[in-house]
Amino acid sequence: MSILIREATIEDAEPLLSMVHKLAAYEKKKPEDVKLSLDKIKKHGFSERPYFQSLIVECDGQAVGYALYYYSYAASAGAPAIFLEDIFVEEAYRHRGIGKGLFAELAAIAVKLECCRLEWNAFTWNEKAIEFYKSLGAIQRGDVFQFRLLGEGLVRMAESNVTLY
């Protein structure tokens, strides 16, 4: 069995989309909740100015896992940061070091690019994932809450007339 972790290419769009759907199912999301499409993967991940980057895990030439990430910037640290949006390994290939390999590759990218950190979110109910992340040496922050503007709230905010003083 030959395992390879590499940067994704546009030819990986279909297996990437398939694994995104599998991750969504694991997260108990409805299929219609996944708005990602092949066109969006190609446009958002492989255009001149991509919104995300991804790694693909191949086992004997077949895609069996991925990590989808993007860069942000930590002004107080004066350095870029990597935010890991998704990480997924097909169930039949888990417990073989692949997830740890993906994190090692992301950490190597972060070190090479002088990023100040690699960060991600985890669902509170996903105890297996949390245990795995802690085994890597990751720390769980207790001093921040995640907030989101989405849907109608996002539209209302965009359309609001804010009075500046």
N, C-alpha and C. Protein backbone atom coordinates (compact mmCIF):
# COMPACT_ATOMS: atom_id res chain seq x y z
N MET A 1 0.84 -1.18 0.00
CA MET A 1 0.00 0.00 0.00
C MET A 1 0.89 1.24 0.00
N SER A 2 0.68 2.11 -0.98
CA SER A 2 1.46 3.33 -1.13
C SER A 2 0.58 4.53 -0.79
N ILE A 3 1.00 5.33 0.20
CA ILE A 3 0.24 6.52 0.62
C ILE A 3 1.04 7.76 0.29
N LEU A 4 0.37 8.73 -0.33
CA LEU A 4 1.00 9.98 -0.75
C LEU A 4 0.11 11.15 -0.35
N ILE A 5 0.71 12.17 0.25
CA ILE A 5 0.01 13.43 0.53
C ILE A 5 0.61 14.47 -0.41
N ARG A 6 -0.27 15.14 -1.17
CA ARG A 6 0.21 16.10 -2.16
C ARG A 6 -0.78 17.26 -2.27
N GLU A 7 -0.32 18.34 -2.90
CA GLU A 7 -1.21 19.45 -3.18
C GLU A 7 -2.27 19.00 -4.18
N ALA A 8 -3.49 19.44 -3.96
CA ALA A 8 -4.57 19.09 -4.89
C ALA A 8 -4.40 19.87 -6.19
N THR A 9 -4.89 19.27 -7.26
CA THR A 9 -4.93 19.93 -8.56
C THR A 9 -6.39 20.00 -9.00
N ILE A 10 -6.64 20.72 -10.07
CA ILE A 10 -8.01 20.85 -10.57
C ILE A 10 -8.60 19.49 -10.94
N GLU A 11 -7.74 18.53 -11.28
CA GLU A 11 -8.23 17.18 -11.61
C GLU A 11 -8.79 16.46 -10.38
N ASP A 12 -8.52 16.99 -9.19
CA ASP A 12 -9.02 16.40 -7.95
C ASP A 12 -10.39 16.93 -7.56
N ALA A 13 -10.99 17.77 -8.38
CA ALA A 13 -12.25 18.41 -8.02
C ALA A 13 -13.34 17.39 -7.69
N GLU A 14 -13.51 16.37 -8.52
CA GLU A 14 -14.58 15.38 -8.27
C GLU A 14 -14.36 14.59 -6.99
N PRO A 15 -13.18 13.99 -6.76
CA PRO A 15 -13.02 13.28 -5.49
C PRO A 15 -13.09 14.21 -4.29
N LEU A 16 -12.64 15.45 -4.44
CA LEU A 16 -12.73 16.41 -3.35
C LEU A 16 -14.19 16.68 -3.01
N LEU A 17 -15.02 16.91 -4.02
CA LEU A 17 -16.44 17.14 -3.78
C LEU A 17 -17.09 15.92 -3.12
N SER A 18 -16.75 14.75 -3.57
CA SER A 18 -17.31 13.53 -2.98
C SER A 18 -16.96 13.42 -1.50
N MET A 19 -15.71 13.71 -1.16
CA MET A 19 -15.30 13.63 0.25
C MET A 19 -15.91 14.74 1.09
N VAL A 20 -16.13 15.93 0.51
CA VAL A 20 -16.82 17.00 1.24
C VAL A 20 -18.22 16.53 1.62
N HIS A 21 -18.89 15.86 0.70
CA HIS A 21 -20.23 15.32 0.99
C HIS A 21 -20.18 14.25 2.08
N LYS A 22 -19.16 13.42 2.07
CA LYS A 22 -19.02 12.39 3.11
C LYS A 22 -18.76 13.03 4.48
N LEU A 23 -17.94 14.07 4.51
CA LEU A 23 -17.71 14.78 5.77
C LEU A 23 -19.00 15.42 6.26
N ALA A 24 -19.75 16.02 5.37
CA ALA A 24 -21.02 16.65 5.75
C ALA A 24 -21.98 15.61 6.33
N ALA A 25 -22.03 14.43 5.73
CA ALA A 25 -22.89 13.36 6.26
C ALA A 25 -22.43 12.94 7.65
N TYR A 26 -21.12 12.84 7.85
CA TYR A 26 -20.58 12.51 9.17
C TYR A 26 -20.98 13.58 10.19
N GLU A 27 -21.02 14.82 9.75
CA GLU A 27 -21.39 15.94 10.62
C GLU A 27 -22.90 16.10 10.75
N LYS A 28 -23.64 15.12 10.22
CA LYS A 28 -25.10 15.08 10.31
C LYS A 28 -25.79 16.23 9.57
N LYS A 29 -25.17 16.67 8.49
CA LYS A 29 -25.79 17.70 7.66
C LYS A 29 -26.61 17.02 6.58
N LYS A 30 -27.65 17.70 6.12
CA LYS A 30 -28.46 17.19 5.02
C LYS A 30 -27.71 17.41 3.71
N PRO A 31 -27.88 16.52 2.73
CA PRO A 31 -27.19 16.70 1.44
C PRO A 31 -27.46 18.07 0.82
N GLU A 32 -28.67 18.57 0.95
CA GLU A 32 -29.00 19.88 0.35
C GLU A 32 -28.33 21.05 1.08
N ASP A 33 -27.76 20.80 2.26
CA ASP A 33 -27.04 21.85 2.98
C ASP A 33 -25.66 22.11 2.39
N VAL A 34 -25.15 21.18 1.60
CA VAL A 34 -23.84 21.34 0.96
C VAL A 34 -24.03 22.11 -0.34
N LYS A 35 -23.54 23.31 -0.39
CA LYS A 35 -23.71 24.19 -1.55
C LYS A 35 -22.52 24.13 -2.51
N LEU A 36 -21.50 23.39 -2.12
CA LEU A 36 -20.31 23.28 -2.96
C LEU A 36 -20.62 22.47 -4.21
N SER A 37 -20.05 22.88 -5.33
CA SER A 37 -20.23 22.19 -6.61
C SER A 37 -18.86 22.04 -7.28
N LEU A 38 -18.81 21.25 -8.35
CA LEU A 38 -17.57 21.12 -9.10
C LEU A 38 -17.12 22.47 -9.64
N ASP A 39 -18.07 23.24 -10.17
CA ASP A 39 -17.73 24.57 -10.70
C ASP A 39 -17.13 25.46 -9.62
N LYS A 40 -17.73 25.43 -8.41
CA LYS A 40 -17.22 26.27 -7.32
C LYS A 40 -15.83 25.80 -6.88
N ILE A 41 -15.61 24.50 -6.82
CA ILE A 41 -14.28 24.01 -6.45
C ILE A 41 -13.25 24.53 -7.45
N LYS A 42 -13.57 24.40 -8.73
CA LYS A 42 -12.63 24.84 -9.76
C LYS A 42 -12.40 26.35 -9.70
N LYS A 43 -13.48 27.10 -9.52
CA LYS A 43 -13.38 28.56 -9.49
C LYS A 43 -12.72 29.05 -8.19
N HIS A 44 -13.14 28.51 -7.07
CA HIS A 44 -12.68 29.02 -5.78
C HIS A 44 -11.35 28.42 -5.33
N GLY A 45 -11.00 27.25 -5.85
CA GLY A 45 -9.77 26.62 -5.39
C GLY A 45 -8.63 26.62 -6.39
N PHE A 46 -8.94 26.86 -7.65
CA PHE A 46 -7.90 26.72 -8.66
C PHE A 46 -7.85 27.87 -9.66
N SER A 47 -8.36 29.03 -9.26
CA SER A 47 -8.32 30.21 -10.12
C SER A 47 -7.02 30.97 -9.87
N GLU A 48 -6.89 32.11 -10.52
CA GLU A 48 -5.68 32.92 -10.35
C GLU A 48 -5.51 33.39 -8.90
N ARG A 49 -6.64 33.70 -8.24
CA ARG A 49 -6.61 34.10 -6.82
C ARG A 49 -7.54 33.18 -6.04
N PRO A 50 -7.06 32.00 -5.68
CA PRO A 50 -7.94 31.02 -5.01
C PRO A 50 -8.32 31.45 -3.59
N TYR A 51 -9.52 31.05 -3.19
CA TYR A 51 -9.98 31.30 -1.82
C TYR A 51 -9.48 30.24 -0.87
N PHE A 52 -9.20 29.06 -1.38
CA PHE A 52 -8.71 27.98 -0.51
C PHE A 52 -7.66 27.17 -1.24
N GLN A 53 -6.94 26.40 -0.46
CA GLN A 53 -5.98 25.45 -0.98
C GLN A 53 -6.33 24.10 -0.36
N SER A 54 -5.83 23.05 -0.94
CA SER A 54 -6.16 21.74 -0.39
C SER A 54 -5.04 20.74 -0.63
N LEU A 55 -5.00 19.79 0.27
CA LEU A 55 -4.10 18.65 0.16
C LEU A 55 -4.96 17.42 -0.10
N ILE A 56 -4.44 16.51 -0.87
CA ILE A 56 -5.13 15.25 -1.15
C ILE A 56 -4.26 14.11 -0.64
N VAL A 57 -4.91 13.12 -0.06
CA VAL A 57 -4.21 11.89 0.33
C VAL A 57 -4.60 10.82 -0.67
N GLU A 58 -3.59 10.22 -1.27
CA GLU A 58 -3.82 9.11 -2.20
C GLU A 58 -3.30 7.82 -1.59
N CYS A 59 -4.07 6.78 -1.75
CA CYS A 59 -3.63 5.44 -1.37
C CYS A 59 -3.72 4.60 -2.63
N ASP A 60 -2.57 4.15 -3.10
CA ASP A 60 -2.50 3.39 -4.35
C ASP A 60 -3.23 4.11 -5.48
N GLY A 61 -3.04 5.44 -5.55
CA GLY A 61 -3.60 6.24 -6.64
C GLY A 61 -5.04 6.68 -6.45
N GLN A 62 -5.69 6.26 -5.36
CA GLN A 62 -7.09 6.64 -5.11
C GLN A 62 -7.15 7.67 -3.99
N ALA A 63 -7.92 8.75 -4.19
CA ALA A 63 -8.07 9.79 -3.17
C ALA A 63 -8.86 9.24 -1.99
N VAL A 64 -8.26 9.31 -0.80
CA VAL A 64 -8.90 8.77 0.40
C VAL A 64 -8.99 9.77 1.54
N GLY A 65 -8.51 10.99 1.30
CA GLY A 65 -8.57 12.01 2.34
C GLY A 65 -8.19 13.37 1.78
N TYR A 66 -8.50 14.39 2.57
CA TYR A 66 -8.15 15.75 2.15
C TYR A 66 -8.08 16.68 3.34
N ALA A 67 -7.42 17.79 3.12
CA ALA A 67 -7.43 18.92 4.05
C ALA A 67 -7.68 20.15 3.19
N LEU A 68 -8.62 20.98 3.60
CA LEU A 68 -8.95 22.21 2.90
C LEU A 68 -8.63 23.36 3.85
N TYR A 69 -7.80 24.30 3.41
CA TYR A 69 -7.34 25.37 4.29
C TYR A 69 -7.20 26.68 3.53
N TYR A 70 -7.05 27.75 4.30
CA TYR A 70 -6.82 29.06 3.72
C TYR A 70 -5.97 29.89 4.68
N TYR A 71 -5.48 31.00 4.18
CA TYR A 71 -4.61 31.86 4.98
C TYR A 71 -5.41 33.03 5.54
N SER A 72 -5.07 33.39 6.75
CA SER A 72 -5.58 34.62 7.36
C SER A 72 -4.35 35.37 7.87
N TYR A 73 -4.59 36.43 8.58
CA TYR A 73 -3.45 37.22 9.07
C TYR A 73 -3.70 37.61 10.51
N ALA A 74 -2.70 37.41 11.35
CA ALA A 74 -2.78 37.78 12.76
C ALA A 74 -2.01 39.08 12.94
N ALA A 75 -2.73 40.19 13.01
CA ALA A 75 -2.08 41.50 13.07
C ALA A 75 -1.20 41.63 14.32
N SER A 76 -1.68 41.15 15.46
CA SER A 76 -0.88 41.30 16.68
C SER A 76 0.42 40.50 16.61
N ALA A 77 0.40 39.39 15.89
CA ALA A 77 1.62 38.59 15.73
C ALA A 77 2.45 39.07 14.54
N GLY A 78 1.82 39.87 13.68
CA GLY A 78 2.52 40.34 12.49
C GLY A 78 2.92 39.20 11.58
N ALA A 79 2.01 38.22 11.45
CA ALA A 79 2.34 37.03 10.66
C ALA A 79 1.08 36.39 10.10
N PRO A 80 1.24 35.68 8.99
CA PRO A 80 0.11 34.93 8.46
C PRO A 80 -0.22 33.74 9.37
N ALA A 81 -1.42 33.21 9.19
CA ALA A 81 -1.86 32.02 9.92
C ALA A 81 -2.59 31.13 8.92
N ILE A 82 -2.61 29.87 9.22
CA ILE A 82 -3.37 28.93 8.40
C ILE A 82 -4.61 28.53 9.17
N PHE A 83 -5.76 28.61 8.51
CA PHE A 83 -7.00 28.11 9.10
C PHE A 83 -7.41 26.85 8.34
N LEU A 84 -7.51 25.76 9.06
CA LEU A 84 -7.92 24.48 8.49
C LEU A 84 -9.45 24.41 8.55
N GLU A 85 -10.07 24.48 7.40
CA GLU A 85 -11.54 24.46 7.33
C GLU A 85 -12.07 23.04 7.45
N ASP A 86 -11.47 22.11 6.72
CA ASP A 86 -11.92 20.70 6.73
C ASP A 86 -10.72 19.78 6.73
N ILE A 87 -10.88 18.67 7.42
CA ILE A 87 -9.94 17.56 7.32
C ILE A 87 -10.79 16.30 7.34
N PHE A 88 -10.48 15.37 6.44
CA PHE A 88 -11.30 14.16 6.31
C PHE A 88 -10.44 13.02 5.80
N VAL A 89 -10.65 11.84 6.37
CA VAL A 89 -10.03 10.60 5.89
C VAL A 89 -11.14 9.57 5.80
N GLU A 90 -11.22 8.89 4.65
CA GLU A 90 -12.22 7.83 4.48
C GLU A 90 -12.12 6.85 5.65
N GLU A 91 -13.26 6.38 6.11
CA GLU A 91 -13.32 5.53 7.30
C GLU A 91 -12.42 4.30 7.20
N ALA A 92 -12.38 3.68 6.04
CA ALA A 92 -11.57 2.46 5.87
C ALA A 92 -10.07 2.73 5.98
N TYR A 93 -9.66 4.00 5.93
CA TYR A 93 -8.25 4.35 5.96
C TYR A 93 -7.83 5.06 7.24
N ARG A 94 -8.74 5.15 8.20
CA ARG A 94 -8.42 5.79 9.47
C ARG A 94 -7.55 4.88 10.33
N HIS A 95 -6.91 5.46 11.29
CA HIS A 95 -6.03 4.76 12.24
C HIS A 95 -4.79 4.19 11.56
N ARG A 96 -4.35 4.88 10.51
CA ARG A 96 -3.12 4.49 9.79
C ARG A 96 -2.11 5.64 9.77
N GLY A 97 -2.38 6.68 10.53
CA GLY A 97 -1.47 7.82 10.57
C GLY A 97 -1.72 8.87 9.51
N ILE A 98 -2.78 8.70 8.71
CA ILE A 98 -3.04 9.63 7.61
C ILE A 98 -3.44 11.01 8.14
N GLY A 99 -4.32 11.07 9.12
CA GLY A 99 -4.71 12.36 9.69
C GLY A 99 -3.51 13.08 10.28
N LYS A 100 -2.69 12.34 11.01
CA LYS A 100 -1.48 12.93 11.59
C LYS A 100 -0.54 13.40 10.47
N GLY A 101 -0.49 12.65 9.39
CA GLY A 101 0.33 13.04 8.24
C GLY A 101 -0.16 14.34 7.61
N LEU A 102 -1.49 14.50 7.52
CA LEU A 102 -2.05 15.74 6.99
C LEU A 102 -1.67 16.93 7.88
N PHE A 103 -1.77 16.74 9.20
CA PHE A 103 -1.40 17.82 10.11
C PHE A 103 0.10 18.12 10.01
N ALA A 104 0.92 17.10 9.87
CA ALA A 104 2.37 17.32 9.73
C ALA A 104 2.67 18.11 8.46
N GLU A 105 1.98 17.78 7.38
CA GLU A 105 2.19 18.51 6.12
C GLU A 105 1.73 19.97 6.26
N LEU A 106 0.58 20.19 6.89
CA LEU A 106 0.10 21.56 7.11
C LEU A 106 1.05 22.33 8.02
N ALA A 107 1.55 21.68 9.06
CA ALA A 107 2.51 22.33 9.96
C ALA A 107 3.78 22.70 9.20
N ALA A 108 4.24 21.82 8.32
CA ALA A 108 5.44 22.11 7.53
C ALA A 108 5.21 23.31 6.61
N ILE A 109 4.03 23.40 6.02
CA ILE A 109 3.69 24.55 5.18
C ILE A 109 3.70 25.81 6.03
N ALA A 110 3.09 25.74 7.21
CA ALA A 110 3.03 26.90 8.11
C ALA A 110 4.43 27.36 8.52
N VAL A 111 5.29 26.43 8.86
CA VAL A 111 6.66 26.79 9.25
C VAL A 111 7.41 27.40 8.08
N LYS A 112 7.29 26.78 6.91
CA LYS A 112 7.99 27.28 5.71
C LYS A 112 7.57 28.71 5.38
N LEU A 113 6.27 29.02 5.55
CA LEU A 113 5.74 30.35 5.21
C LEU A 113 5.77 31.32 6.39
N GLU A 114 6.41 30.90 7.48
CA GLU A 114 6.55 31.73 8.68
C GLU A 114 5.20 32.13 9.28
N CYS A 115 4.26 31.21 9.25
CA CYS A 115 2.96 31.44 9.88
C CYS A 115 3.12 31.36 11.39
N CYS A 116 2.30 32.10 12.10
CA CYS A 116 2.37 32.10 13.55
C CYS A 116 1.55 30.96 14.17
N ARG A 117 0.63 30.38 13.38
CA ARG A 117 -0.19 29.31 13.94
C ARG A 117 -0.96 28.58 12.85
N LEU A 118 -1.42 27.41 13.24
CA LEU A 118 -2.35 26.59 12.47
C LEU A 118 -3.54 26.40 13.40
N GLU A 119 -4.72 26.76 12.94
CA GLU A 119 -5.88 26.64 13.82
C GLU A 119 -7.08 26.10 13.07
N TRP A 120 -8.06 25.61 13.84
CA TRP A 120 -9.27 25.01 13.27
C TRP A 120 -10.32 24.94 14.36
N ASN A 121 -11.53 24.60 13.96
CA ASN A 121 -12.64 24.41 14.89
C ASN A 121 -12.97 22.93 14.98
N ALA A 122 -13.62 22.57 16.08
CA ALA A 122 -14.13 21.21 16.24
C ALA A 122 -15.50 21.29 16.88
N PHE A 123 -16.41 20.43 16.43
CA PHE A 123 -17.72 20.37 17.06
C PHE A 123 -17.56 19.81 18.47
N THR A 124 -18.31 20.37 19.40
CA THR A 124 -18.20 19.92 20.80
C THR A 124 -18.59 18.46 20.96
N TRP A 125 -19.46 17.95 20.08
CA TRP A 125 -19.90 16.56 20.19
C TRP A 125 -18.90 15.57 19.59
N ASN A 126 -17.91 16.04 18.87
CA ASN A 126 -16.97 15.15 18.18
C ASN A 126 -15.79 14.81 19.10
N GLU A 127 -16.07 13.99 20.09
CA GLU A 127 -15.08 13.66 21.11
C GLU A 127 -13.87 12.93 20.54
N LYS A 128 -14.07 12.07 19.55
CA LYS A 128 -12.93 11.37 18.93
C LYS A 128 -11.97 12.35 18.30
N ALA A 129 -12.52 13.32 17.57
CA ALA A 129 -11.66 14.33 16.93
C ALA A 129 -10.93 15.16 17.97
N ILE A 130 -11.63 15.60 19.00
CA ILE A 130 -11.02 16.42 20.04
C ILE A 130 -9.88 15.65 20.72
N GLU A 131 -10.12 14.40 21.01
CA GLU A 131 -9.08 13.55 21.62
C GLU A 131 -7.86 13.44 20.68
N PHE A 132 -8.12 13.25 19.38
CA PHE A 132 -7.05 13.17 18.39
C PHE A 132 -6.27 14.48 18.34
N TYR A 133 -6.96 15.61 18.29
CA TYR A 133 -6.28 16.91 18.21
C TYR A 133 -5.41 17.13 19.44
N LYS A 134 -5.91 16.78 20.60
CA LYS A 134 -5.13 16.94 21.82
C LYS A 134 -3.90 16.02 21.80
N SER A 135 -4.04 14.84 21.20
CA SER A 135 -2.89 13.92 21.12
C SER A 135 -1.79 14.49 20.24
N LEU A 136 -2.14 15.42 19.35
CA LEU A 136 -1.15 16.08 18.50
C LEU A 136 -0.43 17.21 19.23
N GLY A 137 -0.94 17.57 20.40
CA GLY A 137 -0.38 18.69 21.15
C GLY A 137 -1.17 19.97 20.97
N ALA A 138 -2.31 19.89 20.30
CA ALA A 138 -3.15 21.08 20.10
C ALA A 138 -3.78 21.49 21.42
N ILE A 139 -3.95 22.78 21.58
CA ILE A 139 -4.59 23.30 22.79
C ILE A 139 -5.99 23.78 22.44
N GLN A 140 -6.90 23.57 23.37
CA GLN A 140 -8.27 24.02 23.19
C GLN A 140 -8.42 25.37 23.88
N ARG A 141 -8.82 26.37 23.13
CA ARG A 141 -8.98 27.69 23.71
C ARG A 141 -10.31 27.78 24.44
N GLY A 142 -10.29 28.41 25.58
CA GLY A 142 -11.51 28.62 26.34
C GLY A 142 -11.86 30.09 26.45
N ASP A 143 -11.04 30.94 25.81
CA ASP A 143 -11.21 32.37 25.98
C ASP A 143 -11.85 33.07 24.79
N VAL A 144 -12.35 32.30 23.81
CA VAL A 144 -12.99 32.91 22.66
C VAL A 144 -14.29 32.18 22.33
N PHE A 145 -15.20 32.90 21.74
CA PHE A 145 -16.42 32.32 21.21
C PHE A 145 -16.42 32.55 19.71
N GLN A 146 -16.95 31.63 18.97
CA GLN A 146 -17.06 31.80 17.53
C GLN A 146 -18.38 32.50 17.22
N PHE A 147 -18.33 33.51 16.38
CA PHE A 147 -19.53 34.22 15.94
C PHE A 147 -19.62 34.15 14.43
N ARG A 148 -20.84 34.22 13.91
CA ARG A 148 -21.05 34.21 12.47
C ARG A 148 -22.18 35.15 12.10
N LEU A 149 -22.00 35.82 10.97
CA LEU A 149 -23.10 36.49 10.29
C LEU A 149 -23.34 35.67 9.04
N LEU A 150 -24.56 35.19 8.85
CA LEU A 150 -24.87 34.42 7.65
C LEU A 150 -26.33 34.61 7.28
N GLY A 151 -26.65 34.22 6.07
CA GLY A 151 -28.03 34.29 5.60
C GLY A 151 -28.62 35.68 5.72
N GLU A 152 -29.83 35.73 6.26
CA GLU A 152 -30.54 37.01 6.40
C GLU A 152 -29.79 38.02 7.25
N GLY A 153 -29.14 37.56 8.30
CA GLY A 153 -28.37 38.47 9.15
C GLY A 153 -27.23 39.14 8.40
N LEU A 154 -26.58 38.38 7.54
CA LEU A 154 -25.50 38.92 6.72
C LEU A 154 -26.04 39.95 5.73
N VAL A 155 -27.17 39.63 5.10
CA VAL A 155 -27.78 40.56 4.13
C VAL A 155 -28.22 41.83 4.84
N ARG A 156 -28.88 41.70 6.01
CA ARG A 156 -29.32 42.88 6.75
C ARG A 156 -28.14 43.78 7.12
N MET A 157 -27.04 43.16 7.55
CA MET A 157 -25.86 43.95 7.92
C MET A 157 -25.30 44.65 6.69
N ALA A 158 -25.23 43.98 5.57
CA ALA A 158 -24.71 44.59 4.34
C ALA A 158 -25.58 45.75 3.88
N GLU A 159 -26.88 45.65 4.10
CA GLU A 159 -27.81 46.70 3.66
C GLU A 159 -28.05 47.77 4.70
N SER A 160 -27.46 47.63 5.87
CA SER A 160 -27.72 48.62 6.94
C SER A 160 -27.06 49.94 6.61
N ASN A 161 -27.72 50.98 7.04
CA ASN A 161 -27.19 52.32 6.89
C ASN A 161 -26.62 52.71 8.24
N VAL A 162 -25.34 52.56 8.40
CA VAL A 162 -24.68 52.85 9.67
C VAL A 162 -24.33 54.33 9.69
N THR A 163 -24.72 54.98 10.74
CA THR A 163 -24.39 56.39 10.92
C THR A 163 -23.07 56.48 11.67
N LEU A 164 -22.12 57.15 11.04
CA LEU A 164 -20.81 57.33 11.67
C LEU A 164 -20.77 58.68 12.35
N TYR A 165 -20.21 58.72 13.51
CA TYR A 165 -20.12 59.99 14.28
C TYR A 165 -18.74 60.55 14.20
